[in-house]
């Protein structure tokens, strides 16, 4: 993993723009039929970002080519590195939520 603290206003704004563009694209993925449209409305109401309010922002990357670590799982399933990063982010988020 690579963890970068996003500190400059320019970098924070770029990260927010990236999120907003991708979130809008995801919302466009819902069709206009009734069932999908209802799901789209529900998706649009979700709070998926607290980037504007967050005092600290971190960018977390998966280094697919790292030689660090024991390679546990990555030898036979290279995607395990990505799963490891997702698991770490989830654990980090849950810990942050539990302490407020």
C-alpha atoms as a PDB file:
ATOM      1  CA  UNK A   1       0.000   0.000   0.000  1.00  0.00           C
ATOM      2  CA  UNK A   2       0.957   3.607  -0.415  1.00  0.00           C
ATOM      3  CA  UNK A   3      -0.744   6.204   1.762  1.00  0.00           C
ATOM      4  CA  UNK A   4      -0.511   9.878   0.832  1.00  0.00           C
ATOM      5  CA  UNK A   5      -1.855  12.710   2.950  1.00  0.00           C
ATOM      6  CA  UNK A   6      -3.663  15.169   0.658  1.00  0.00           C
ATOM      7  CA  UNK A   7      -2.868  18.584   2.076  1.00  0.00           C
ATOM      8  CA  UNK A   8      -2.879  21.326  -0.551  1.00  0.00           C
ATOM      9  CA  UNK A   9      -6.114  23.051  -1.476  1.00  0.00           C
ATOM     10  CA  UNK A  10      -5.419  22.289  -5.135  1.00  0.00           C
ATOM     11  CA  UNK A  11      -4.968  18.565  -4.516  1.00  0.00           C
ATOM     12  CA  UNK A  12      -8.067  18.409  -2.305  1.00  0.00           C
ATOM     13  CA  UNK A  13     -10.117  20.198  -4.987  1.00  0.00           C
ATOM     14  CA  UNK A  14      -8.798  17.830  -7.675  1.00  0.00           C
ATOM     15  CA  UNK A  15      -9.717  14.810  -5.551  1.00  0.00           C
ATOM     16  CA  UNK A  16     -13.213  16.219  -4.958  1.00  0.00           C
ATOM     17  CA  UNK A  17     -13.690  16.899  -8.688  1.00  0.00           C
ATOM     18  CA  UNK A  18     -12.595  13.336  -9.448  1.00  0.00           C
ATOM     19  CA  UNK A  19     -15.138  11.966  -6.979  1.00  0.00           C
ATOM     20  CA  UNK A  20     -17.934  14.209  -8.266  1.00  0.00           C
ATOM     21  CA  UNK A  21     -17.273  13.250 -11.905  1.00  0.00           C
ATOM     22  CA  UNK A  22     -17.211   9.537 -11.126  1.00  0.00           C
ATOM     23  CA  UNK A  23     -20.257   9.781  -8.873  1.00  0.00           C
ATOM     24  CA  UNK A  24     -22.205  11.562 -11.633  1.00  0.00           C
ATOM     25  CA  UNK A  25     -21.156   8.850 -14.098  1.00  0.00           C
ATOM     26  CA  UNK A  26     -22.350   6.150 -11.712  1.00  0.00           C
ATOM     27  CA  UNK A  27     -25.696   7.923 -11.350  1.00  0.00           C
ATOM     28  CA  UNK A  28     -26.057   8.109 -15.144  1.00  0.00           C
ATOM     29  CA  UNK A  29     -25.703   4.316 -15.167  1.00  0.00           C
ATOM     30  CA  UNK A  30     -29.258   3.933 -13.912  1.00  0.00           C
ATOM     31  CA  UNK A  31     -31.865   3.501 -16.648  1.00  0.00           C
ATOM     32  CA  UNK A  32     -35.064   5.513 -17.015  1.00  0.00           C
ATOM     33  CA  UNK A  33     -37.385   2.557 -16.391  1.00  0.00           C
ATOM     34  CA  UNK A  34     -39.347   2.769 -13.136  1.00  0.00           C
ATOM     35  CA  UNK A  35     -37.401   0.225 -11.066  1.00  0.00           C
ATOM     36  CA  UNK A  36     -33.980   1.519 -12.121  1.00  0.00           C
ATOM     37  CA  UNK A  37     -35.094   5.134 -11.846  1.00  0.00           C
ATOM     38  CA  UNK A  38     -36.172   4.519  -8.238  1.00  0.00           C
ATOM     39  CA  UNK A  39     -32.774   3.003  -7.527  1.00  0.00           C
ATOM     40  CA  UNK A  40     -31.175   6.039  -9.152  1.00  0.00           C
ATOM     41  CA  UNK A  41     -33.129   8.398  -6.887  1.00  0.00           C
ATOM     42  CA  UNK A  42     -32.074   6.365  -3.857  1.00  0.00           C
ATOM     43  CA  UNK A  43     -28.453   6.410  -5.027  1.00  0.00           C
ATOM     44  CA  UNK A  44     -28.592  10.190  -5.503  1.00  0.00           C
ATOM     45  CA  UNK A  45     -29.693  10.639  -1.864  1.00  0.00           C
ATOM     46  CA  UNK A  46     -26.770   8.664  -0.416  1.00  0.00           C
ATOM     47  CA  UNK A  47     -24.006  10.613   1.289  1.00  0.00           C
ATOM     48  CA  UNK A  48     -20.994   9.023  -0.337  1.00  0.00           C
ATOM     49  CA  UNK A  49     -18.455  11.701   0.446  1.00  0.00           C
ATOM     50  CA  UNK A  50     -17.445  13.846   3.365  1.00  0.00           C
ATOM     51  CA  UNK A  51     -14.509  15.296   1.480  1.00  0.00           C
ATOM     52  CA  UNK A  52     -15.552  18.931   1.900  1.00  0.00           C
ATOM     53  CA  UNK A  53     -15.909  18.552   5.676  1.00  0.00           C
ATOM     54  CA  UNK A  54     -12.967  16.231   6.344  1.00  0.00           C
ATOM     55  CA  UNK A  55     -10.076  17.862   8.205  1.00  0.00           C
ATOM     56  CA  UNK A  56      -7.669  15.257   6.775  1.00  0.00           C
ATOM     57  CA  UNK A  57      -7.771  13.458   3.448  1.00  0.00           C
ATOM     58  CA  UNK A  58      -5.776  10.370   2.602  1.00  0.00           C
ATOM     59  CA  UNK A  59      -5.202   8.818  -0.796  1.00  0.00           C
ATOM     60  CA  UNK A  60      -4.504   5.105  -0.565  1.00  0.00           C
ATOM     61  CA  UNK A  61      -2.960   3.246  -3.474  1.00  0.00           C
ATOM     62  CA  UNK A  62      -2.251  -0.376  -4.247  1.00  0.00           C
ATOM     63  CA  UNK A  63       1.311  -0.934  -5.435  1.00  0.00           C
ATOM     64  CA  UNK A  64       0.932  -3.958  -7.708  1.00  0.00           C
ATOM     65  CA  UNK A  65       4.677  -4.260  -8.326  1.00  0.00           C
ATOM     66  CA  UNK A  66       6.008  -4.032  -4.776  1.00  0.00           C
ATOM     67  CA  UNK A  67       8.622  -6.511  -3.621  1.00  0.00           C
ATOM     68  CA  UNK A  68       7.780  -5.773   0.025  1.00  0.00           C
ATOM     69  CA  UNK A  69       5.931  -8.281   2.131  1.00  0.00           C
ATOM     70  CA  UNK A  70       5.851 -12.050   2.047  1.00  0.00           C
ATOM     71  CA  UNK A  71       3.631 -12.206  -1.038  1.00  0.00           C
ATOM     72  CA  UNK A  72       1.046 -14.157   0.927  1.00  0.00           C
ATOM     73  CA  UNK A  73      -1.695 -14.951  -1.560  1.00  0.00           C
ATOM     74  CA  UNK A  74      -0.275 -12.690  -4.256  1.00  0.00           C
ATOM     75  CA  UNK A  75       1.776 -15.460  -5.837  1.00  0.00           C
ATOM     76  CA  UNK A  76      -1.285 -17.381  -6.942  1.00  0.00           C
ATOM     77  CA  UNK A  77      -3.866 -14.581  -6.787  1.00  0.00           C
ATOM     78  CA  UNK A  78      -2.289 -11.210  -7.661  1.00  0.00           C
ATOM     79  CA  UNK A  79      -5.595  -9.439  -6.982  1.00  0.00           C
ATOM     80  CA  UNK A  80      -5.028 -10.177  -3.275  1.00  0.00           C
ATOM     81  CA  UNK A  81      -2.943  -7.003  -3.057  1.00  0.00           C
ATOM     82  CA  UNK A  82      -6.006  -4.971  -4.059  1.00  0.00           C
ATOM     83  CA  UNK A  83      -8.209  -6.901  -1.635  1.00  0.00           C
ATOM     84  CA  UNK A  84      -5.677  -6.192   1.113  1.00  0.00           C
ATOM     85  CA  UNK A  85      -5.905  -2.462   0.432  1.00  0.00           C
ATOM     86  CA  UNK A  86      -9.715  -2.566   0.437  1.00  0.00           C
ATOM     87  CA  UNK A  87      -9.658  -4.466   3.720  1.00  0.00           C
ATOM     88  CA  UNK A  88      -7.244  -1.956   5.253  1.00  0.00           C
ATOM     89  CA  UNK A  89      -9.410   0.995   4.172  1.00  0.00           C
ATOM     90  CA  UNK A  90     -12.503  -0.674   5.616  1.00  0.00           C
ATOM     91  CA  UNK A  91     -10.736  -1.352   8.919  1.00  0.00           C
ATOM     92  CA  UNK A  92      -9.409   2.205   9.020  1.00  0.00           C
ATOM     93  CA  UNK A  93     -12.877   3.621   8.331  1.00  0.00           C
ATOM     94  CA  UNK A  94     -14.539   1.425  10.973  1.00  0.00           C
ATOM     95  CA  UNK A  95     -11.941   2.416  13.550  1.00  0.00           C
ATOM     96  CA  UNK A  96     -12.353   6.107  12.755  1.00  0.00           C
ATOM     97  CA  UNK A  97     -16.141   5.791  13.036  1.00  0.00           C
ATOM     98  CA  UNK A  98     -15.889   4.000  16.379  1.00  0.00           C
ATOM     99  CA  UNK A  99     -13.794   6.744  17.975  1.00  0.00           C
ATOM    100  CA  UNK A 100     -15.780   9.581  16.416  1.00  0.00           C
END
